[in-house]
C-alpha atoms as a PDB file:
ATOM      1  CA  MET A   1       1.855   8.554 -44.221  1.00  0.00           C
ATOM      2  CA  GLU A   2      -0.153  11.545 -41.752  1.00  0.00           C
ATOM      3  CA  ASN A   3       1.173  12.609 -38.425  1.00  0.00           C
ATOM      4  CA  GLY A   4      -0.556  10.419 -35.745  1.00  0.00           C
ATOM      5  CA  GLU A   5      -2.452  13.094 -33.212  1.00  0.00           C
ATOM      6  CA  ASN A   6      -2.466   9.932 -30.791  1.00  0.00           C
ATOM      7  CA  GLY A   7       0.932   8.892 -31.018  1.00  0.00           C
ATOM      8  CA  LYS A   8       3.435   6.877 -33.086  1.00  0.00           C
ATOM      9  CA  ILE A   9       3.237   3.161 -32.891  1.00  0.00           C
ATOM     10  CA  LEU A  10       6.722   0.853 -34.109  1.00  0.00           C
ATOM     11  CA  ILE A  11       4.462  -2.223 -35.134  1.00  0.00           C
ATOM     12  CA  VAL A  12       7.476  -5.637 -35.175  1.00  0.00           C
ATOM     13  CA  ASP A  13       5.921  -8.641 -37.045  1.00  0.00           C
ATOM     14  CA  ASP A  14       7.594 -10.626 -39.540  1.00  0.00           C
ATOM     15  CA  ASP A  15       4.275 -11.392 -40.767  1.00  0.00           C
ATOM     16  CA  GLU A  16       3.578  -8.401 -43.136  1.00  0.00           C
ATOM     17  CA  ASN A  17      -0.283  -9.117 -43.177  1.00  0.00           C
ATOM     18  CA  ILE A  18      -0.456  -8.815 -39.233  1.00  0.00           C
ATOM     19  CA  CYS A  19       1.591  -5.378 -39.957  1.00  0.00           C
ATOM     20  CA  GLU A  20      -0.502  -3.990 -42.564  1.00  0.00           C
ATOM     21  CA  LEU A  21      -3.810  -5.028 -40.655  1.00  0.00           C
ATOM     22  CA  LEU A  22      -2.631  -3.184 -37.475  1.00  0.00           C
ATOM     23  CA  ARG A  23      -1.507  -0.127 -39.454  1.00  0.00           C
ATOM     24  CA  LEU A  24      -4.534   0.542 -41.267  1.00  0.00           C
ATOM     25  CA  TYR A  25      -6.868   0.132 -37.942  1.00  0.00           C
ATOM     26  CA  LEU A  26      -4.083   2.111 -36.227  1.00  0.00           C
ATOM     27  CA  GLU A  27      -4.002   4.873 -38.759  1.00  0.00           C
ATOM     28  CA  LYS A  28      -7.730   5.019 -38.631  1.00  0.00           C
ATOM     29  CA  ASP A  29      -7.999   5.868 -34.937  1.00  0.00           C
ATOM     30  CA  GLY A  30      -5.323   8.379 -35.154  1.00  0.00           C
ATOM     31  CA  PHE A  31      -2.018   7.107 -35.009  1.00  0.00           C
ATOM     32  CA  GLU A  32       1.003   7.066 -37.011  1.00  0.00           C
ATOM     33  CA  THR A  33       2.926   3.778 -37.583  1.00  0.00           C
ATOM     34  CA  VAL A  34       5.910   2.354 -38.952  1.00  0.00           C
ATOM     35  CA  SER A  35       6.675  -1.358 -39.386  1.00  0.00           C
ATOM     36  CA  ALA A  36       9.625  -3.691 -38.773  1.00  0.00           C
ATOM     37  CA  HIS A  37       9.843  -7.380 -39.921  1.00  0.00           C
ATOM     38  CA  ASP A  38      12.750  -8.127 -38.247  1.00  0.00           C
ATOM     39  CA  GLY A  39      14.591  -7.858 -34.737  1.00  0.00           C
ATOM     40  CA  GLN A  40      17.476  -5.395 -36.464  1.00  0.00           C
ATOM     41  CA  GLN A  41      15.169  -4.058 -38.435  1.00  0.00           C
ATOM     42  CA  ALA A  42      12.991  -3.220 -35.093  1.00  0.00           C
ATOM     43  CA  LEU A  43      15.867  -1.648 -33.358  1.00  0.00           C
ATOM     44  CA  THR A  44      17.173   1.003 -36.568  1.00  0.00           C
ATOM     45  CA  LEU A  45      13.445   1.767 -36.628  1.00  0.00           C
ATOM     46  CA  PHE A  46      13.408   2.472 -32.969  1.00  0.00           C
ATOM     47  CA  ALA A  47      16.012   4.535 -33.313  1.00  0.00           C
ATOM     48  CA  GLU A  48      15.010   6.605 -36.099  1.00  0.00           C
ATOM     49  CA  SER A  49      11.629   7.326 -35.405  1.00  0.00           C
ATOM     50  CA  THR A  50      11.348   7.536 -31.471  1.00  0.00           C
ATOM     51  CA  PRO A  51       7.977   5.932 -31.567  1.00  0.00           C
ATOM     52  CA  ASP A  52       5.787   6.337 -28.473  1.00  0.00           C
ATOM     53  CA  LEU A  53       4.997   2.542 -28.033  1.00  0.00           C
ATOM     54  CA  ILE A  54       6.056  -0.457 -29.311  1.00  0.00           C
ATOM     55  CA  LEU A  55       4.004  -3.330 -30.630  1.00  0.00           C
ATOM     56  CA  LEU A  56       6.441  -6.368 -30.399  1.00  0.00           C
ATOM     57  CA  ASP A  57       6.054 -10.027 -31.390  1.00  0.00           C
ATOM     58  CA  ILE A  58       8.580 -12.268 -30.274  1.00  0.00           C
ATOM     59  CA  MET A  59       9.156 -14.839 -32.675  1.00  0.00           C
ATOM     60  CA  LEU A  60      11.020 -12.838 -35.252  1.00  0.00           C
ATOM     61  CA  PRO A  61      14.306 -13.204 -37.620  1.00  0.00           C
ATOM     62  CA  LYS A  62      17.714 -11.905 -36.947  1.00  0.00           C
ATOM     63  CA  LEU A  63      17.134 -11.064 -33.153  1.00  0.00           C
ATOM     64  CA  ASP A  64      13.712 -12.285 -31.043  1.00  0.00           C
ATOM     65  CA  GLY A  65      11.373 -10.130 -28.979  1.00  0.00           C
ATOM     66  CA  TRP A  66      12.992 -10.680 -26.032  1.00  0.00           C
ATOM     67  CA  GLN A  67      16.840  -9.973 -27.336  1.00  0.00           C
ATOM     68  CA  VAL A  68      14.694  -6.228 -29.025  1.00  0.00           C
ATOM     69  CA  CYS A  69      13.058  -6.008 -25.438  1.00  0.00           C
ATOM     70  CA  ARG A  70      16.362  -6.162 -23.876  1.00  0.00           C
ATOM     71  CA  GLU A  71      18.437  -4.318 -26.283  1.00  0.00           C
ATOM     72  CA  ILE A  72      15.871  -0.837 -26.369  1.00  0.00           C
ATOM     73  CA  ARG A  73      15.321  -1.165 -22.034  1.00  0.00           C
ATOM     74  CA  LYS A  74      19.271  -0.089 -22.204  1.00  0.00           C
ATOM     75  CA  THR A  75      18.605   3.022 -22.900  1.00  0.00           C
ATOM     76  CA  SER A  76      14.894   3.929 -23.352  1.00  0.00           C
ATOM     77  CA  ARG A  77      11.561   3.253 -20.956  1.00  0.00           C
ATOM     78  CA  VAL A  78       8.985   3.517 -24.006  1.00  0.00           C
ATOM     79  CA  PRO A  79       5.999   1.229 -23.307  1.00  0.00           C
ATOM     80  CA  ILE A  80       6.532  -1.963 -25.023  1.00  0.00           C
ATOM     81  CA  ILE A  81       3.391  -4.641 -25.316  1.00  0.00           C
ATOM     82  CA  MET A  82       4.296  -8.179 -26.367  1.00  0.00           C
ATOM     83  CA  LEU A  83       2.379  -9.847 -29.208  1.00  0.00           C
ATOM     84  CA  THR A  84       2.969 -14.103 -29.330  1.00  0.00           C
ATOM     85  CA  ALA A  85       1.626 -17.057 -29.732  1.00  0.00           C
ATOM     86  CA  LYS A  86       2.555 -18.704 -27.030  1.00  0.00           C
ATOM     87  CA  GLY A  87       0.600 -18.679 -23.714  1.00  0.00           C
ATOM     88  CA  GLU A  88       3.086 -20.293 -21.196  1.00  0.00           C
ATOM     89  CA  THR A  89       3.459 -18.877 -17.984  1.00  0.00           C
ATOM     90  CA  PHE A  90       7.033 -18.431 -18.420  1.00  0.00           C
ATOM     91  CA  ASP A  91       6.689 -16.300 -21.029  1.00  0.00           C
ATOM     92  CA  LYS A  92       4.815 -13.862 -18.939  1.00  0.00           C
ATOM     93  CA  VAL A  93       7.627 -13.954 -16.301  1.00  0.00           C
ATOM     94  CA  LEU A  94      10.427 -13.562 -18.742  1.00  0.00           C
ATOM     95  CA  GLY A  95       8.373 -10.669 -20.421  1.00  0.00           C
ATOM     96  CA  LEU A  96       8.045  -8.604 -17.274  1.00  0.00           C
ATOM     97  CA  GLU A  97      11.451  -9.356 -16.225  1.00  0.00           C
ATOM     98  CA  LEU A  98      12.519  -7.782 -19.002  1.00  0.00           C
ATOM     99  CA  GLY A  99      10.352  -4.836 -18.714  1.00  0.00           C
ATOM    100  CA  ALA A 100       7.707  -5.464 -20.833  1.00  0.00           C
ATOM    101  CA  ASP A 101       4.548  -3.190 -19.849  1.00  0.00           C
ATOM    102  CA  ASP A 102       1.755  -6.124 -21.439  1.00  0.00           C
ATOM    103  CA  TYR A 103       1.227  -9.226 -23.065  1.00  0.00           C
ATOM    104  CA  VAL A 104      -1.434 -10.166 -26.065  1.00  0.00           C
ATOM    105  CA  ALA A 105      -1.476 -13.483 -27.227  1.00  0.00           C
ATOM    106  CA  LYS A 106      -2.359 -14.088 -30.907  1.00  0.00           C
ATOM    107  CA  PRO A 107      -4.663 -14.706 -32.539  1.00  0.00           C
ATOM    108  CA  PHE A 108      -6.133 -11.306 -31.262  1.00  0.00           C
ATOM    109  CA  ASP A 109      -8.680  -9.235 -31.735  1.00  0.00           C
ATOM    110  CA  THR A 110      -7.563  -5.410 -33.091  1.00  0.00           C
ATOM    111  CA  LYS A 111     -10.090  -3.745 -30.802  1.00  0.00           C
ATOM    112  CA  GLU A 112      -8.719  -5.506 -28.222  1.00  0.00           C
ATOM    113  CA  VAL A 113      -4.692  -4.590 -29.321  1.00  0.00           C
ATOM    114  CA  LEU A 114      -6.228  -0.674 -29.373  1.00  0.00           C
ATOM    115  CA  ALA A 115      -7.694  -0.449 -25.960  1.00  0.00           C
ATOM    116  CA  ARG A 116      -4.381  -1.908 -24.213  1.00  0.00           C
ATOM    117  CA  ILE A 117      -2.090   0.522 -26.458  1.00  0.00           C
ATOM    118  CA  LYS A 118      -4.978   3.771 -25.295  1.00  0.00           C
ATOM    119  CA  ALA A 119      -4.597   1.736 -21.519  1.00  0.00           C
ATOM    120  CA  VAL A 120      -0.662   1.791 -21.560  1.00  0.00           C
ATOM    121  CA  LEU A 121      -0.136   5.188 -23.075  1.00  0.00           C
ATOM    122  CA  ARG A 122      -2.505   6.345 -20.383  1.00  0.00           C
ATOM    123  CA  ARG A 123      -0.681   5.004 -17.845  1.00  0.00           C
ATOM    124  CA  THR A 124       2.896   6.302 -19.097  1.00  0.00           C
ATOM    125  CA  ARG A 125       1.323   9.456 -20.241  1.00  0.00           C
ATOM    126  CA  GLN A 126       0.355  10.640 -16.725  1.00  0.00           C
ATOM    127  CA  PRO A 127      -0.013  14.527 -15.952  1.00  0.00           C
ATOM    128  CA  GLY A 128       2.441  14.959 -13.592  1.00  0.00           C
ATOM    129  CA  ASP A 129       5.110  13.794 -15.838  1.00  0.00           C
ATOM    130  CA  VAL A 130       6.365  17.250 -16.098  1.00  0.00           C
ATOM    131  CA  GLU A 131       6.889  17.566 -12.645  1.00  0.00           C
ATOM    132  CA  LYS A 132      10.146  15.765 -10.915  1.00  0.00           C
ATOM    133  CA  LYS A 133       9.004  12.712  -9.804  1.00  0.00           C
ATOM    134  CA  GLU A 134      11.534  12.189  -7.215  1.00  0.00           C
ATOM    135  CA  VAL A 135      11.453  10.873  -3.413  1.00  0.00           C
ATOM    136  CA  ARG A 136      13.670  11.250  -0.953  1.00  0.00           C
ATOM    137  CA  TYR A 137      14.873   9.539   2.322  1.00  0.00           C
ATOM    138  CA  ASP A 138      18.123   9.637   4.679  1.00  0.00           C
ATOM    139  CA  LYS A 139      21.222   8.086   2.040  1.00  0.00           C
ATOM    140  CA  LEU A 140      18.349   7.287  -0.398  1.00  0.00           C
ATOM    141  CA  VAL A 141      17.456   9.084  -3.508  1.00  0.00           C
ATOM    142  CA  ILE A 142      14.872   7.691  -6.283  1.00  0.00           C
ATOM    143  CA  ASN A 143      14.415   9.884  -8.930  1.00  0.00           C
ATOM    144  CA  LEU A 144      12.042   8.193 -11.674  1.00  0.00           C
ATOM    145  CA  THR A 145      11.868  11.648 -14.322  1.00  0.00           C
ATOM    146  CA  ASN A 146      15.835  10.631 -14.597  1.00  0.00           C
ATOM    147  CA  TYR A 147      15.703   7.028 -13.948  1.00  0.00           C
ATOM    148  CA  GLU A 148      18.671   7.228 -11.448  1.00  0.00           C
ATOM    149  CA  LEU A 149      18.959   5.493  -8.044  1.00  0.00           C
ATOM    150  CA  ILE A 150      21.389   7.385  -5.845  1.00  0.00           C
ATOM    151  CA  VAL A 151      22.428   5.318  -2.745  1.00  0.00           C
ATOM    152  CA  ASP A 152      24.608   6.913  -0.189  1.00  0.00           C
ATOM    153  CA  GLY A 153      25.771   9.877  -2.476  1.00  0.00           C
ATOM    154  CA  VAL A 154      26.532   7.163  -5.271  1.00  0.00           C
ATOM    155  CA  GLN A 155      24.383   6.515  -8.660  1.00  0.00           C
ATOM    156  CA  ILE A 156      24.054   3.077  -8.956  1.00  0.00           C
ATOM    157  CA  ASP A 157      22.524   1.020 -12.314  1.00  0.00           C
ATOM    158  CA  THR A 158      19.415   0.077 -11.854  1.00  0.00           C
ATOM    159  CA  PRO A 159      17.006  -1.912 -14.413  1.00  0.00           C
ATOM    160  CA  PRO A 160      13.562   0.551 -15.137  1.00  0.00           C
ATOM    161  CA  LYS A 161      11.348  -1.821 -13.571  1.00  0.00           C
ATOM    162  CA  GLU A 162      13.353  -2.250 -10.377  1.00  0.00           C
ATOM    163  CA  LEU A 163      13.378   2.120 -10.266  1.00  0.00           C
ATOM    164  CA  MET A 164       9.703   1.721 -10.733  1.00  0.00           C
ATOM    165  CA  LEU A 165       9.079  -1.046  -7.703  1.00  0.00           C
ATOM    166  CA  ILE A 166      11.355   0.958  -5.254  1.00  0.00           C
ATOM    167  CA  TYR A 167       9.732   4.232  -6.223  1.00  0.00           C
ATOM    168  CA  HIS A 168       6.148   3.117  -5.880  1.00  0.00           C
ATOM    169  CA  LEU A 169       7.004   1.484  -2.444  1.00  0.00           C
ATOM    170  CA  ALA A 170       9.261   4.482  -0.826  1.00  0.00           C
ATOM    171  CA  SER A 171       6.402   6.893  -2.273  1.00  0.00           C
ATOM    172  CA  ASN A 172       3.774   4.749  -0.291  1.00  0.00           C
ATOM    173  CA  PRO A 173       5.989   4.675   3.132  1.00  0.00           C
ATOM    174  CA  ASN A 174       4.658   1.774   5.514  1.00  0.00           C
ATOM    175  CA  ARG A 175       1.758   0.850   3.295  1.00  0.00           C
ATOM    176  CA  VAL A 176       1.583  -3.173   2.897  1.00  0.00           C
ATOM    177  CA  TYR A 177       1.271  -4.475  -0.953  1.00  0.00           C
ATOM    178  CA  THR A 178       0.818  -7.704  -2.348  1.00  0.00           C
ATOM    179  CA  ARG A 179       2.865  -9.590  -5.515  1.00  0.00           C
ATOM    180  CA  ASP A 180      -0.121  -9.420  -7.103  1.00  0.00           C
ATOM    181  CA  GLN A 181      -0.917  -5.287  -6.148  1.00  0.00           C
ATOM    182  CA  LEU A 182       2.628  -4.633  -7.349  1.00  0.00           C
ATOM    183  CA  LEU A 183       2.510  -6.760 -10.818  1.00  0.00           C
ATOM    184  CA  ASP A 184      -0.987  -4.686 -11.369  1.00  0.00           C
ATOM    185  CA  GLU A 185       0.234  -1.057  -9.769  1.00  0.00           C
ATOM    186  CA  VAL A 186       4.330  -0.955 -11.218  1.00  0.00           C
ATOM    187  CA  TRP A 187       3.995  -3.290 -14.536  1.00  0.00           C
ATOM    188  CA  GLY A 188       0.254  -2.829 -15.246  1.00  0.00           C
ATOM    189  CA  PHE A 189      -0.038  -6.499 -16.732  1.00  0.00           C
ATOM    190  CA  ASP A 190      -3.203  -8.094 -17.010  1.00  0.00           C
ATOM    191  CA  TYR A 191      -1.424 -11.043 -15.353  1.00  0.00           C
ATOM    192  CA  TYR A 192      -1.877 -14.282 -14.136  1.00  0.00           C
ATOM    193  CA  GLY A 193       0.210 -16.882 -12.665  1.00  0.00           C
ATOM    194  CA  ASP A 194       3.521 -17.008 -11.488  1.00  0.00           C
ATOM    195  CA  SER A 195       4.149 -13.663  -9.313  1.00  0.00           C
ATOM    196  CA  ARG A 196       7.703 -14.949  -8.479  1.00  0.00           C
ATOM    197  CA  THR A 197       8.887 -11.794 -10.772  1.00  0.00           C
ATOM    198  CA  VAL A 198       8.499  -9.384  -7.569  1.00  0.00           C
ATOM    199  CA  ASP A 199      10.203 -11.323  -5.222  1.00  0.00           C
ATOM    200  CA  VAL A 200      13.548 -11.589  -7.961  1.00  0.00           C
ATOM    201  CA  HIS A 201      13.168  -7.664  -8.313  1.00  0.00           C
ATOM    202  CA  VAL A 202      13.089  -7.009  -4.476  1.00  0.00           C
ATOM    203  CA  LYS A 203      15.998  -9.321  -3.936  1.00  0.00           C
ATOM    204  CA  ARG A 204      17.586  -7.320  -6.429  1.00  0.00           C
ATOM    205  CA  LEU A 205      16.992  -4.051  -4.889  1.00  0.00           C
ATOM    206  CA  ARG A 206      17.703  -5.642  -1.585  1.00  0.00           C
ATOM    207  CA  GLU A 207      21.297  -6.461  -2.772  1.00  0.00           C
ATOM    208  CA  LYS A 208      21.744  -2.685  -3.500  1.00  0.00           C
ATOM    209  CA  LEU A 209      19.887  -1.396  -0.644  1.00  0.00           C
ATOM    210  CA  GLU A 210      20.505  -3.481   2.657  1.00  0.00           C
ATOM    211  CA  GLY A 211      22.182  -1.781   5.373  1.00  0.00           C
ATOM    212  CA  VAL A 212      22.406   1.514   4.072  1.00  0.00           C
ATOM    213  CA  SER A 213      20.672   3.286   6.867  1.00  0.00           C
ATOM    214  CA  ASP A 214      18.869   2.554   9.730  1.00  0.00           C
ATOM    215  CA  GLU A 215      15.981   4.935   9.253  1.00  0.00           C
ATOM    216  CA  TRP A 216      14.474   3.056   6.676  1.00  0.00           C
ATOM    217  CA  SER A 217      14.072  -0.444   5.035  1.00  0.00           C
ATOM    218  CA  LEU A 218      12.641  -3.105   2.339  1.00  0.00           C
ATOM    219  CA  LYS A 219      10.865  -5.221   4.651  1.00  0.00           C
ATOM    220  CA  THR A 220       8.698  -8.450   3.929  1.00  0.00           C
ATOM    221  CA  VAL A 221       5.238  -8.508   5.658  1.00  0.00           C
ATOM    222  CA  TRP A 222       5.265 -12.697   5.372  1.00  0.00           C
ATOM    223  CA  GLY A 223       2.575 -14.299   3.769  1.00  0.00           C
ATOM    224  CA  VAL A 224       1.058 -11.195   2.155  1.00  0.00           C
ATOM    225  CA  GLY A 225       3.790  -9.223   0.481  1.00  0.00           C
ATOM    226  CA  TYR A 226       6.096  -5.809   0.605  1.00  0.00           C
ATOM    227  CA  LYS A 227       6.203  -2.674   2.029  1.00  0.00           C
ATOM    228  CA  PHE A 228       9.058   0.536   2.507  1.00  0.00           C
ATOM    229  CA  GLU A 229       9.265   0.853   6.221  1.00  0.00           C
ATOM    230  CA  VAL A 230       9.805   3.891   7.736  1.00  0.00           C
ATOM    231  CA  LYS A 231      11.150   4.460  11.347  1.00  0.00           C
END
């Protein structure tokens, strides 16, 4: 296996033919690949190989894709693109909730998968990543470099997407975002359907931030969306 100039991809699918097809296509385009055929093996290879991105099938033996995604998100924000034969809105909402970065339905075109991989990597490898990504307000520190939320001097355990959402809003104070804008700019999903997931994340953030300071607040703009209001 050659070292990939474009990065390393962990392919997780119980269909070995799909893994081989993706391996050939990705390695031809300059990626290094490793493959796993069940959920347990996926977690093992993730720990051993530190990939730059994971292509993750949902229907897997031992642990399904949702469980694998949930476990990885406990310790890492590595980009994850879900692969599934299902197309229900529920799957997309759950994928967003668990912290997936994109979603490709089977049967897929290998060119589309490659384009989505490159798009996700472009988003997650921003030039400013070497700089400390942090915003500060009264009694609030949101650090996206170390994935820390500090409220009134106390570090609060916060899932990656919640932290990314509040960082995005707080980096653009008083700007109103629609739910669809937040789905696109924070989750980066090519997303159709229910946007309840944004409401769920805002509700959880409010539980952590409500009443901490009277200098700022996470506001609902009725009929439009949300904003981080600074007074």
